[in-house]
Amino acid sequence: MGDSDSDSSGGAGRPARSKRADARRNEKTLLDAAAAVFVESGVEAPVRDIAARAGVGMGTIYRHFPTRADLIIAVYRHQVEACAEAGPALLASSETPHAALGRWIDLFVDFLVTKHGLAGVLHSDEAGFTTLHAYFLDRLVPVCARLLDAAVEAGEIRSDLEAVELMRGVGNLCIGAESDPRYDARRLVGVLIAGLRLPS
């Protein structure tokens, strides 16, 4: 009897774990789709566009994220984690640390486009926004610092720039980019990153 009990609980455990893994994958697919749509069209983009991109019904999105604020905050956290994880991966796979830094900054720019919309959504929740901002700094400043340090050690870039300064500068270049099609923030950010290079 004890054996059959353990068998049945073991059998029940595996499908439960599988369902949890499926749910995590589905949520990641939703968040990837929402992030892409927000980057292209802003945080006020229709939910149906996100559903179409993710290949799901709108009800699925509302089941996971009952309000737009819930969805935007989840996308924000998802993008922070994606940026944090991308830093070491880019450093390992890029031809140079400077190239890794440039690719990482591209991801950071995508994140900032979404982040600028977040302030409007959370305007009535100052404490919530402050908590998210602290989370963003805690996760991303060390990643940027590691990329900068690697490029400095490789003799590719100047050594007198702090990660917070660079991230703030990139953030300032991105302000208003989503509302002015004549302004290409990514091009200006590219000029900034190129300008870090030491003469060869």
N, C-alpha and C. Protein backbone atom coordinates (compact mmCIF):
# COMPACT_ATOMS: atom_id res chain seq x y z
N MET A 1 0.83 -1.20 0.00
CA MET A 1 0.00 0.00 0.00
C MET A 1 0.86 1.24 0.00
N GLY A 2 1.94 1.21 0.88
CA GLY A 2 2.84 2.36 0.90
C GLY A 2 3.44 2.58 -0.46
N ASP A 3 3.79 1.49 -1.20
CA ASP A 3 4.40 1.64 -2.51
C ASP A 3 3.44 2.30 -3.49
N SER A 4 2.17 1.83 -3.46
CA SER A 4 1.22 2.41 -4.40
C SER A 4 0.97 3.88 -4.10
N ASP A 5 0.99 4.24 -2.79
CA ASP A 5 0.82 5.65 -2.44
C ASP A 5 1.96 6.48 -3.02
N SER A 6 3.21 5.97 -2.86
CA SER A 6 4.33 6.76 -3.36
C SER A 6 4.29 6.80 -4.88
N ASP A 7 3.85 5.69 -5.53
CA ASP A 7 3.75 5.69 -6.98
C ASP A 7 2.76 6.74 -7.45
N SER A 8 1.59 6.78 -6.79
CA SER A 8 0.57 7.70 -7.27
C SER A 8 1.00 9.14 -7.03
N SER A 9 1.69 9.42 -5.88
CA SER A 9 2.10 10.80 -5.66
C SER A 9 3.21 11.17 -6.62
N GLY A 10 4.11 10.18 -6.92
CA GLY A 10 5.17 10.47 -7.88
C GLY A 10 4.58 10.75 -9.25
N GLY A 11 3.56 9.96 -9.63
CA GLY A 11 2.92 10.18 -10.92
C GLY A 11 2.22 11.51 -10.97
N ALA A 12 1.61 11.90 -9.83
CA ALA A 12 0.90 13.18 -9.80
C ALA A 12 1.90 14.33 -9.82
N GLY A 13 3.09 14.11 -9.20
CA GLY A 13 4.08 15.18 -9.13
C GLY A 13 4.62 15.54 -10.50
N ARG A 14 4.85 14.55 -11.33
CA ARG A 14 5.46 14.83 -12.63
C ARG A 14 4.55 15.69 -13.51
N PRO A 15 3.26 15.31 -13.66
CA PRO A 15 2.40 16.18 -14.47
C PRO A 15 2.27 17.58 -13.88
N ALA A 16 2.24 17.68 -12.54
CA ALA A 16 2.12 19.01 -11.92
C ALA A 16 3.34 19.85 -12.29
N ARG A 17 4.54 19.24 -12.21
CA ARG A 17 5.75 19.97 -12.58
C ARG A 17 5.71 20.36 -14.05
N SER A 18 5.22 19.42 -14.87
CA SER A 18 5.14 19.68 -16.30
C SER A 18 4.18 20.84 -16.59
N LYS A 19 3.04 20.86 -15.87
CA LYS A 19 2.09 21.95 -16.05
C LYS A 19 2.69 23.29 -15.63
N ARG A 20 3.46 23.26 -14.51
CA ARG A 20 4.11 24.50 -14.07
C ARG A 20 5.12 24.97 -15.11
N ALA A 21 5.88 24.03 -15.67
CA ALA A 21 6.86 24.39 -16.70
C ALA A 21 6.16 24.94 -17.93
N ASP A 22 5.04 24.31 -18.32
CA ASP A 22 4.26 24.82 -19.45
C ASP A 22 3.74 26.22 -19.18
N ALA A 23 3.25 26.44 -17.96
CA ALA A 23 2.72 27.75 -17.59
C ALA A 23 3.82 28.81 -17.66
N ARG A 24 5.03 28.45 -17.19
CA ARG A 24 6.15 29.40 -17.24
C ARG A 24 6.52 29.71 -18.68
N ARG A 25 6.54 28.67 -19.53
CA ARG A 25 6.85 28.88 -20.95
C ARG A 25 5.80 29.77 -21.60
N ASN A 26 4.52 29.49 -21.31
CA ASN A 26 3.43 30.30 -21.89
C ASN A 26 3.53 31.74 -21.44
N GLU A 27 3.85 31.95 -20.16
CA GLU A 27 3.96 33.32 -19.66
C GLU A 27 5.14 34.02 -20.32
N LYS A 28 6.25 33.32 -20.50
CA LYS A 28 7.41 33.92 -21.17
C LYS A 28 7.07 34.30 -22.60
N THR A 29 6.33 33.43 -23.30
CA THR A 29 5.91 33.74 -24.67
C THR A 29 5.06 35.00 -24.70
N LEU A 30 4.12 35.10 -23.75
CA LEU A 30 3.28 36.31 -23.66
C LEU A 30 4.11 37.55 -23.40
N LEU A 31 5.05 37.44 -22.45
CA LEU A 31 5.85 38.60 -22.08
C LEU A 31 6.80 39.01 -23.20
N ASP A 32 7.37 38.03 -23.91
CA ASP A 32 8.21 38.35 -25.08
C ASP A 32 7.39 39.08 -26.13
N ALA A 33 6.18 38.59 -26.39
CA ALA A 33 5.31 39.22 -27.38
C ALA A 33 4.92 40.62 -26.95
N ALA A 34 4.54 40.78 -25.68
CA ALA A 34 4.14 42.10 -25.18
C ALA A 34 5.30 43.07 -25.24
N ALA A 35 6.50 42.62 -24.87
CA ALA A 35 7.67 43.49 -24.92
C ALA A 35 7.92 43.97 -26.34
N ALA A 36 7.86 43.04 -27.30
CA ALA A 36 8.09 43.42 -28.71
C ALA A 36 7.06 44.43 -29.19
N VAL A 37 5.79 44.20 -28.84
CA VAL A 37 4.73 45.13 -29.26
C VAL A 37 4.90 46.49 -28.58
N PHE A 38 5.25 46.50 -27.29
CA PHE A 38 5.45 47.76 -26.58
C PHE A 38 6.61 48.55 -27.17
N VAL A 39 7.70 47.85 -27.55
CA VAL A 39 8.84 48.53 -28.16
C VAL A 39 8.43 49.16 -29.49
N GLU A 40 7.63 48.43 -30.27
CA GLU A 40 7.21 48.94 -31.59
C GLU A 40 6.14 50.02 -31.50
N SER A 41 5.16 49.83 -30.58
CA SER A 41 3.95 50.66 -30.61
C SER A 41 3.64 51.38 -29.31
N GLY A 42 4.47 51.21 -28.27
CA GLY A 42 4.20 51.85 -26.99
C GLY A 42 3.34 51.01 -26.09
N VAL A 43 3.28 51.40 -24.80
CA VAL A 43 2.58 50.59 -23.81
C VAL A 43 1.07 50.65 -23.92
N GLU A 44 0.56 51.57 -24.74
CA GLU A 44 -0.88 51.64 -24.95
C GLU A 44 -1.34 50.79 -26.13
N ALA A 45 -0.45 50.00 -26.69
CA ALA A 45 -0.80 49.15 -27.84
C ALA A 45 -1.97 48.24 -27.48
N PRO A 46 -2.85 47.95 -28.44
CA PRO A 46 -4.00 47.09 -28.16
C PRO A 46 -3.58 45.69 -27.71
N VAL A 47 -4.32 45.16 -26.76
CA VAL A 47 -4.05 43.80 -26.26
C VAL A 47 -4.19 42.79 -27.39
N ARG A 48 -5.08 43.06 -28.34
CA ARG A 48 -5.25 42.09 -29.44
C ARG A 48 -3.96 41.96 -30.26
N ASP A 49 -3.16 43.04 -30.35
CA ASP A 49 -1.88 42.95 -31.07
C ASP A 49 -0.91 42.02 -30.34
N ILE A 50 -0.93 42.10 -29.01
CA ILE A 50 -0.07 41.22 -28.21
C ILE A 50 -0.54 39.78 -28.34
N ALA A 51 -1.85 39.57 -28.28
CA ALA A 51 -2.41 38.21 -28.41
C ALA A 51 -2.04 37.62 -29.76
N ALA A 52 -2.15 38.43 -30.82
CA ALA A 52 -1.82 37.94 -32.16
C ALA A 52 -0.34 37.58 -32.24
N ARG A 53 0.52 38.42 -31.68
CA ARG A 53 1.97 38.16 -31.71
C ARG A 53 2.30 36.89 -30.94
N ALA A 54 1.61 36.67 -29.82
CA ALA A 54 1.88 35.50 -28.98
C ALA A 54 1.18 34.24 -29.49
N GLY A 55 0.20 34.41 -30.40
CA GLY A 55 -0.54 33.26 -30.90
C GLY A 55 -1.54 32.70 -29.90
N VAL A 56 -2.12 33.59 -29.08
CA VAL A 56 -3.10 33.17 -28.07
C VAL A 56 -4.34 34.06 -28.18
N GLY A 57 -5.41 33.66 -27.48
CA GLY A 57 -6.60 34.49 -27.40
C GLY A 57 -6.43 35.59 -26.36
N MET A 58 -7.23 36.63 -26.48
CA MET A 58 -7.12 37.75 -25.54
C MET A 58 -7.46 37.29 -24.13
N GLY A 59 -8.36 36.32 -23.99
CA GLY A 59 -8.72 35.81 -22.67
C GLY A 59 -7.52 35.23 -21.93
N THR A 60 -6.60 34.62 -22.68
CA THR A 60 -5.40 34.06 -22.05
C THR A 60 -4.57 35.17 -21.42
N ILE A 61 -4.44 36.29 -22.12
CA ILE A 61 -3.66 37.41 -21.58
C ILE A 61 -4.33 37.95 -20.33
N TYR A 62 -5.65 38.14 -20.38
CA TYR A 62 -6.35 38.69 -19.21
C TYR A 62 -6.34 37.72 -18.02
N ARG A 63 -6.26 36.43 -18.33
CA ARG A 63 -6.19 35.44 -17.25
C ARG A 63 -4.85 35.58 -16.50
N HIS A 64 -3.77 35.81 -17.25
CA HIS A 64 -2.45 35.98 -16.64
C HIS A 64 -2.28 37.38 -16.04
N PHE A 65 -2.81 38.40 -16.75
CA PHE A 65 -2.58 39.80 -16.37
C PHE A 65 -3.91 40.56 -16.46
N PRO A 66 -4.64 40.61 -15.35
CA PRO A 66 -6.00 41.18 -15.38
C PRO A 66 -6.05 42.65 -15.82
N THR A 67 -5.00 43.43 -15.55
CA THR A 67 -5.02 44.84 -15.94
C THR A 67 -3.80 45.16 -16.81
N ARG A 68 -3.86 46.26 -17.53
CA ARG A 68 -2.72 46.69 -18.34
C ARG A 68 -1.51 46.96 -17.44
N ALA A 69 -1.75 47.55 -16.26
CA ALA A 69 -0.64 47.82 -15.34
C ALA A 69 0.05 46.52 -14.93
N ASP A 70 -0.74 45.47 -14.66
CA ASP A 70 -0.15 44.16 -14.32
C ASP A 70 0.76 43.67 -15.44
N LEU A 71 0.28 43.82 -16.67
CA LEU A 71 1.04 43.36 -17.83
C LEU A 71 2.32 44.17 -18.00
N ILE A 72 2.21 45.49 -17.90
CA ILE A 72 3.38 46.35 -18.10
C ILE A 72 4.44 46.10 -17.04
N ILE A 73 4.02 45.95 -15.79
CA ILE A 73 4.98 45.68 -14.72
C ILE A 73 5.65 44.33 -14.94
N ALA A 74 4.88 43.33 -15.37
CA ALA A 74 5.46 42.01 -15.65
C ALA A 74 6.46 42.09 -16.81
N VAL A 75 6.12 42.86 -17.85
CA VAL A 75 7.04 43.04 -18.98
C VAL A 75 8.31 43.74 -18.51
N TYR A 76 8.15 44.75 -17.68
CA TYR A 76 9.29 45.50 -17.14
C TYR A 76 10.24 44.54 -16.42
N ARG A 77 9.70 43.74 -15.52
CA ARG A 77 10.55 42.80 -14.76
C ARG A 77 11.17 41.75 -15.70
N HIS A 78 10.40 41.29 -16.66
CA HIS A 78 10.88 40.31 -17.63
C HIS A 78 12.05 40.88 -18.43
N GLN A 79 11.93 42.14 -18.86
CA GLN A 79 13.00 42.77 -19.64
C GLN A 79 14.24 43.01 -18.79
N VAL A 80 14.05 43.39 -17.53
CA VAL A 80 15.20 43.57 -16.64
C VAL A 80 15.97 42.26 -16.53
N GLU A 81 15.24 41.16 -16.30
CA GLU A 81 15.90 39.86 -16.16
C GLU A 81 16.58 39.45 -17.47
N ALA A 82 15.92 39.71 -18.60
CA ALA A 82 16.52 39.36 -19.89
C ALA A 82 17.81 40.15 -20.12
N CYS A 83 17.80 41.45 -19.77
CA CYS A 83 19.01 42.29 -19.89
C CYS A 83 20.11 41.79 -18.97
N ALA A 84 19.73 41.45 -17.74
CA ALA A 84 20.72 40.99 -16.77
C ALA A 84 21.38 39.70 -17.23
N GLU A 85 20.58 38.77 -17.77
CA GLU A 85 21.11 37.49 -18.21
C GLU A 85 21.90 37.62 -19.52
N ALA A 86 21.56 38.61 -20.34
CA ALA A 86 22.21 38.77 -21.64
C ALA A 86 23.65 39.25 -21.51
N GLY A 87 23.94 40.04 -20.47
CA GLY A 87 25.29 40.60 -20.35
C GLY A 87 26.39 39.55 -20.39
N PRO A 88 26.39 38.60 -19.45
CA PRO A 88 27.43 37.57 -19.47
C PRO A 88 27.41 36.72 -20.75
N ALA A 89 26.23 36.43 -21.27
CA ALA A 89 26.13 35.62 -22.49
C ALA A 89 26.76 36.36 -23.67
N LEU A 90 26.50 37.67 -23.79
CA LEU A 90 27.08 38.46 -24.88
C LEU A 90 28.59 38.56 -24.74
N LEU A 91 29.05 38.70 -23.51
CA LEU A 91 30.49 38.79 -23.27
C LEU A 91 31.19 37.51 -23.70
N ALA A 92 30.52 36.38 -23.47
CA ALA A 92 31.10 35.08 -23.85
C ALA A 92 31.04 34.83 -25.35
N SER A 93 30.03 35.39 -26.03
CA SER A 93 29.83 35.02 -27.44
C SER A 93 30.27 36.08 -28.45
N SER A 94 30.52 37.30 -28.01
CA SER A 94 30.88 38.37 -28.95
C SER A 94 32.37 38.35 -29.25
N GLU A 95 32.71 38.92 -30.41
CA GLU A 95 34.11 38.89 -30.83
C GLU A 95 35.00 39.77 -29.94
N THR A 96 34.42 40.84 -29.37
CA THR A 96 35.19 41.71 -28.47
C THR A 96 34.27 42.18 -27.34
N PRO A 97 34.85 42.60 -26.21
CA PRO A 97 34.02 43.17 -25.14
C PRO A 97 33.26 44.42 -25.59
N HIS A 98 33.88 45.25 -26.44
CA HIS A 98 33.18 46.45 -26.92
C HIS A 98 31.96 46.08 -27.75
N ALA A 99 32.09 45.04 -28.58
CA ALA A 99 30.93 44.56 -29.36
C ALA A 99 29.84 44.05 -28.43
N ALA A 100 30.23 43.33 -27.37
CA ALA A 100 29.26 42.84 -26.40
C ALA A 100 28.55 44.01 -25.73
N LEU A 101 29.30 45.04 -25.36
CA LEU A 101 28.71 46.22 -24.74
C LEU A 101 27.70 46.88 -25.68
N GLY A 102 28.06 47.02 -26.95
CA GLY A 102 27.15 47.64 -27.92
C GLY A 102 25.86 46.84 -28.08
N ARG A 103 25.97 45.52 -28.14
CA ARG A 103 24.76 44.69 -28.27
C ARG A 103 23.90 44.77 -27.01
N TRP A 104 24.57 44.80 -25.87
CA TRP A 104 23.82 44.89 -24.62
C TRP A 104 23.09 46.24 -24.52
N ILE A 105 23.76 47.30 -24.93
CA ILE A 105 23.12 48.62 -24.90
C ILE A 105 21.91 48.65 -25.83
N ASP A 106 21.96 47.94 -26.95
CA ASP A 106 20.78 47.84 -27.84
C ASP A 106 19.60 47.24 -27.08
N LEU A 107 19.84 46.17 -26.32
CA LEU A 107 18.77 45.56 -25.51
C LEU A 107 18.28 46.55 -24.45
N PHE A 108 19.20 47.28 -23.87
CA PHE A 108 18.87 48.25 -22.84
C PHE A 108 17.98 49.36 -23.42
N VAL A 109 18.25 49.78 -24.65
CA VAL A 109 17.42 50.79 -25.30
C VAL A 109 16.00 50.27 -25.48
N ASP A 110 15.85 49.03 -25.92
CA ASP A 110 14.50 48.44 -26.05
C ASP A 110 13.78 48.47 -24.70
N PHE A 111 14.51 48.11 -23.66
CA PHE A 111 13.94 48.14 -22.31
C PHE A 111 13.50 49.55 -21.93
N LEU A 112 14.33 50.55 -22.24
CA LEU A 112 14.02 51.92 -21.85
C LEU A 112 12.75 52.44 -22.53
N VAL A 113 12.51 52.01 -23.77
CA VAL A 113 11.29 52.42 -24.46
C VAL A 113 10.07 52.01 -23.66
N THR A 114 10.10 50.78 -23.15
CA THR A 114 8.99 50.30 -22.31
C THR A 114 8.97 51.01 -20.97
N LYS A 115 10.14 51.22 -20.39
CA LYS A 115 10.24 51.83 -19.06
C LYS A 115 9.64 53.24 -19.05
N HIS A 116 9.82 53.98 -20.15
CA HIS A 116 9.27 55.34 -20.19
C HIS A 116 7.75 55.32 -20.12
N GLY A 117 7.13 54.28 -20.65
CA GLY A 117 5.68 54.17 -20.56
C GLY A 117 5.20 53.76 -19.18
N LEU A 118 6.10 53.12 -18.43
CA LEU A 118 5.71 52.63 -17.12
C LEU A 118 5.36 53.76 -16.16
N ALA A 119 6.10 54.86 -16.24
CA ALA A 119 5.87 55.97 -15.31
C ALA A 119 4.44 56.46 -15.40
N GLY A 120 3.91 56.56 -16.62
CA GLY A 120 2.54 57.02 -16.79
C GLY A 120 1.53 56.06 -16.21
N VAL A 121 1.80 54.76 -16.37
CA VAL A 121 0.88 53.75 -15.87
C VAL A 121 0.86 53.75 -14.34
N LEU A 122 2.03 53.98 -13.73
CA LEU A 122 2.15 53.91 -12.28
C LEU A 122 2.14 55.28 -11.60
N HIS A 123 1.65 56.32 -12.30
CA HIS A 123 1.74 57.67 -11.75
C HIS A 123 1.08 57.79 -10.39
N SER A 124 0.10 56.94 -10.09
CA SER A 124 -0.58 57.03 -8.79
C SER A 124 0.04 56.09 -7.76
N ASP A 125 1.10 55.37 -8.15
CA ASP A 125 1.73 54.41 -7.24
C ASP A 125 3.22 54.71 -7.15
N GLU A 126 3.54 55.81 -6.49
CA GLU A 126 4.94 56.26 -6.41
C GLU A 126 5.81 55.22 -5.73
N ALA A 127 5.29 54.59 -4.67
CA ALA A 127 6.08 53.58 -3.94
C ALA A 127 6.39 52.39 -4.85
N GLY A 128 5.39 51.97 -5.63
CA GLY A 128 5.59 50.85 -6.54
C GLY A 128 6.63 51.16 -7.59
N PHE A 129 6.59 52.38 -8.13
CA PHE A 129 7.55 52.78 -9.15
C PHE A 129 8.96 52.85 -8.54
N THR A 130 9.08 53.39 -7.33
CA THR A 130 10.38 53.49 -6.66
C THR A 130 10.98 52.11 -6.43
N THR A 131 10.13 51.16 -6.02
CA THR A 131 10.60 49.78 -5.80
C THR A 131 11.12 49.17 -7.10
N LEU A 132 10.36 49.36 -8.19
CA LEU A 132 10.79 48.81 -9.48
C LEU A 132 12.08 49.47 -9.95
N HIS A 133 12.22 50.77 -9.73
CA HIS A 133 13.43 51.46 -10.17
C HIS A 133 14.65 50.94 -9.40
N ALA A 134 14.48 50.71 -8.09
CA ALA A 134 15.58 50.18 -7.29
C ALA A 134 15.97 48.77 -7.78
N TYR A 135 14.96 47.97 -8.11
CA TYR A 135 15.19 46.62 -8.65
C TYR A 135 15.98 46.69 -9.96
N PHE A 136 15.58 47.61 -10.82
CA PHE A 136 16.26 47.82 -12.11
C PHE A 136 17.73 48.18 -11.89
N LEU A 137 18.02 49.10 -10.99
CA LEU A 137 19.40 49.49 -10.72
C LEU A 137 20.20 48.34 -10.13
N ASP A 138 19.62 47.63 -9.17
CA ASP A 138 20.31 46.52 -8.51
C ASP A 138 20.70 45.43 -9.50
N ARG A 139 19.82 45.16 -10.47
CA ARG A 139 20.06 44.08 -11.42
C ARG A 139 20.97 44.49 -12.58
N LEU A 140 20.81 45.74 -13.09
CA LEU A 140 21.47 46.08 -14.35
C LEU A 140 22.78 46.85 -14.20
N VAL A 141 22.93 47.65 -13.17
CA VAL A 141 24.18 48.41 -13.03
C VAL A 141 25.39 47.46 -12.94
N PRO A 142 25.34 46.39 -12.13
CA PRO A 142 26.51 45.48 -12.09
C PRO A 142 26.81 44.81 -13.44
N VAL A 143 25.77 44.53 -14.22
CA VAL A 143 25.97 43.91 -15.53
C VAL A 143 26.68 44.89 -16.47
N CYS A 144 26.20 46.12 -16.50
CA CYS A 144 26.84 47.14 -17.33
C CYS A 144 28.29 47.37 -16.87
N ALA A 145 28.50 47.40 -15.56
CA ALA A 145 29.85 47.60 -15.03
C ALA A 145 30.79 46.48 -15.48
N ARG A 146 30.28 45.25 -15.48
CA ARG A 146 31.11 44.11 -15.90
C ARG A 146 31.50 44.24 -17.38
N LEU A 147 30.55 44.67 -18.21
CA LEU A 147 30.84 44.85 -19.63
C LEU A 147 31.85 45.98 -19.84
N LEU A 148 31.67 47.08 -19.12
CA LEU A 148 32.62 48.20 -19.22
C LEU A 148 34.01 47.76 -18.78
N ASP A 149 34.09 47.08 -17.64
CA ASP A 149 35.38 46.63 -17.11
C ASP A 149 36.09 45.72 -18.12
N ALA A 150 35.35 44.83 -18.75
CA ALA A 150 35.96 43.92 -19.72
C ALA A 150 36.52 44.68 -20.91
N ALA A 151 35.77 45.70 -21.38
CA ALA A 151 36.25 46.49 -22.52
C ALA A 151 37.45 47.35 -22.14
N VAL A 152 37.48 47.84 -20.90
CA VAL A 152 38.64 48.61 -20.41
C VAL A 152 39.86 47.69 -20.33
N GLU A 153 39.67 46.51 -19.74
CA GLU A 153 40.78 45.57 -19.60
C GLU A 153 41.33 45.14 -20.96
N ALA A 154 40.46 45.10 -21.97
CA ALA A 154 40.90 44.73 -23.32
C ALA A 154 41.57 45.92 -24.03
N GLY A 155 41.60 47.08 -23.37
CA GLY A 155 42.22 48.27 -23.97
C GLY A 155 41.39 48.88 -25.09
N GLU A 156 40.07 48.60 -25.08
CA GLU A 156 39.22 49.09 -26.18
C GLU A 156 38.59 50.44 -25.91
N ILE A 157 38.28 50.73 -24.64
CA ILE A 157 37.55 51.96 -24.33
C ILE A 157 38.23 52.73 -23.20
N ARG A 158 37.84 53.98 -23.08
CA ARG A 158 38.34 54.83 -22.00
C ARG A 158 37.91 54.25 -20.65
N SER A 159 38.64 54.59 -19.62
CA SER A 159 38.42 53.96 -18.32
C SER A 159 37.77 54.88 -17.29
N ASP A 160 37.36 56.07 -17.71
CA ASP A 160 36.88 57.05 -16.72
C ASP A 160 35.36 57.19 -16.69
N LEU A 161 34.66 56.15 -17.09
CA LEU A 161 33.20 56.21 -17.13
C LEU A 161 32.61 55.13 -16.22
N GLU A 162 31.68 55.54 -15.38
CA GLU A 162 30.98 54.60 -14.50
C GLU A 162 29.74 54.06 -15.21
N ALA A 163 29.33 52.85 -14.81
CA ALA A 163 28.16 52.22 -15.41
C ALA A 163 26.91 53.09 -15.26
N VAL A 164 26.71 53.64 -14.06
CA VAL A 164 25.52 54.48 -13.82
C VAL A 164 25.51 55.68 -14.75
N GLU A 165 26.67 56.29 -14.99
CA GLU A 165 26.75 57.44 -15.89
C GLU A 165 26.34 57.05 -17.31
N LEU A 166 26.90 55.93 -17.78
CA LEU A 166 26.59 55.49 -19.14
C LEU A 166 25.10 55.18 -19.27
N MET A 167 24.55 54.43 -18.31
CA MET A 167 23.14 54.07 -18.38
C MET A 167 22.24 55.29 -18.32
N ARG A 168 22.61 56.26 -17.50
CA ARG A 168 21.81 57.48 -17.42
C ARG A 168 21.90 58.27 -18.72
N GLY A 169 23.11 58.34 -19.30
CA GLY A 169 23.27 59.03 -20.57
C GLY A 169 22.45 58.39 -21.68
N VAL A 170 22.48 57.05 -21.75
CA VAL A 170 21.66 56.34 -22.74
C VAL A 170 20.18 56.61 -22.49
N GLY A 171 19.79 56.58 -21.21
CA GLY A 171 18.39 56.87 -20.87
C GLY A 171 17.96 58.25 -21.32
N ASN A 172 18.83 59.24 -21.11
CA ASN A 172 18.49 60.61 -21.52
C ASN A 172 18.36 60.72 -23.04
N LEU A 173 19.20 60.00 -23.77
CA LEU A 173 19.10 60.02 -25.24
C LEU A 173 17.80 59.39 -25.73
N CYS A 174 17.21 58.52 -24.92
CA CYS A 174 15.99 57.83 -25.34
C CYS A 174 14.71 58.59 -25.02
N ILE A 175 14.81 59.63 -24.20
CA ILE A 175 13.60 60.35 -23.79
C ILE A 175 12.91 60.96 -25.01
N GLY A 176 11.63 60.69 -25.13
CA GLY A 176 10.81 61.27 -26.20
C GLY A 176 10.92 60.58 -27.54
N ALA A 177 11.81 59.58 -27.65
CA ALA A 177 12.02 58.92 -28.94
C ALA A 177 10.75 58.24 -29.43
N GLU A 178 9.94 57.73 -28.49
CA GLU A 178 8.73 56.99 -28.90
C GLU A 178 7.67 57.90 -29.50
N SER A 179 7.78 59.21 -29.26
CA SER A 179 6.74 60.12 -29.76
C SER A 179 7.21 60.98 -30.93
N ASP A 180 8.44 60.81 -31.39
CA ASP A 180 8.96 61.62 -32.49
C ASP A 180 9.64 60.71 -33.52
N PRO A 181 8.94 60.39 -34.60
CA PRO A 181 9.50 59.46 -35.58
C PRO A 181 10.74 60.01 -36.29
N ARG A 182 10.98 61.33 -36.19
CA ARG A 182 12.16 61.90 -36.83
C ARG A 182 13.42 61.69 -36.00
N TYR A 183 13.25 61.29 -34.74
CA TYR A 183 14.38 61.15 -33.84
C TYR A 183 14.73 59.68 -33.66
N ASP A 184 15.93 59.30 -34.05
CA ASP A 184 16.38 57.92 -33.94
C ASP A 184 17.34 57.80 -32.75
N ALA A 185 16.79 57.49 -31.59
CA ALA A 185 17.60 57.40 -30.38
C ALA A 185 18.67 56.33 -30.51
N ARG A 186 18.35 55.22 -31.16
CA ARG A 186 19.32 54.13 -31.28
C ARG A 186 20.57 54.59 -32.05
N ARG A 187 20.37 55.43 -33.07
CA ARG A 187 21.52 55.94 -33.83
C ARG A 187 22.41 56.81 -32.94
N LEU A 188 21.77 57.68 -32.14
CA LEU A 188 22.55 58.54 -31.25
C LEU A 188 23.26 57.73 -30.18
N VAL A 189 22.59 56.71 -29.66
CA VAL A 189 23.22 55.84 -28.67
C VAL A 189 24.41 55.12 -29.30
N GLY A 190 24.26 54.71 -30.55
CA GLY A 190 25.38 54.07 -31.27
C GLY A 190 26.58 54.99 -31.38
N VAL A 191 26.32 56.28 -31.63
CA VAL A 191 27.41 57.26 -31.69
C VAL A 191 28.10 57.36 -30.33
N LEU A 192 27.30 57.37 -29.26
CA LEU A 192 27.85 57.43 -27.91
C LEU A 192 28.75 56.22 -27.63
N ILE A 193 28.28 55.02 -27.95
CA ILE A 193 29.06 53.82 -27.67
C ILE A 193 30.33 53.78 -28.52
N ALA A 194 30.21 54.21 -29.78
CA ALA A 194 31.40 54.28 -30.64
C ALA A 194 32.41 55.28 -30.08
N GLY A 195 31.89 56.36 -29.48
CA GLY A 195 32.76 57.39 -28.94
C GLY A 195 33.55 56.98 -27.71
N LEU A 196 33.18 55.86 -27.10
CA LEU A 196 33.93 55.35 -25.95
C LEU A 196 35.26 54.74 -26.36
N ARG A 197 35.38 54.39 -27.64
CA ARG A 197 36.56 53.65 -28.10
C ARG A 197 37.82 54.50 -28.03
N LEU A 198 38.91 53.88 -27.66
CA LEU A 198 40.22 54.53 -27.69
C LEU A 198 40.75 54.46 -29.12
N PRO A 199 41.55 55.45 -29.53
CA PRO A 199 42.15 55.36 -30.87
C PRO A 199 43.01 54.11 -30.98
N SER A 200 42.93 53.43 -32.11
CA SER A 200 43.71 52.19 -32.25
C SER A 200 45.12 52.48 -32.75
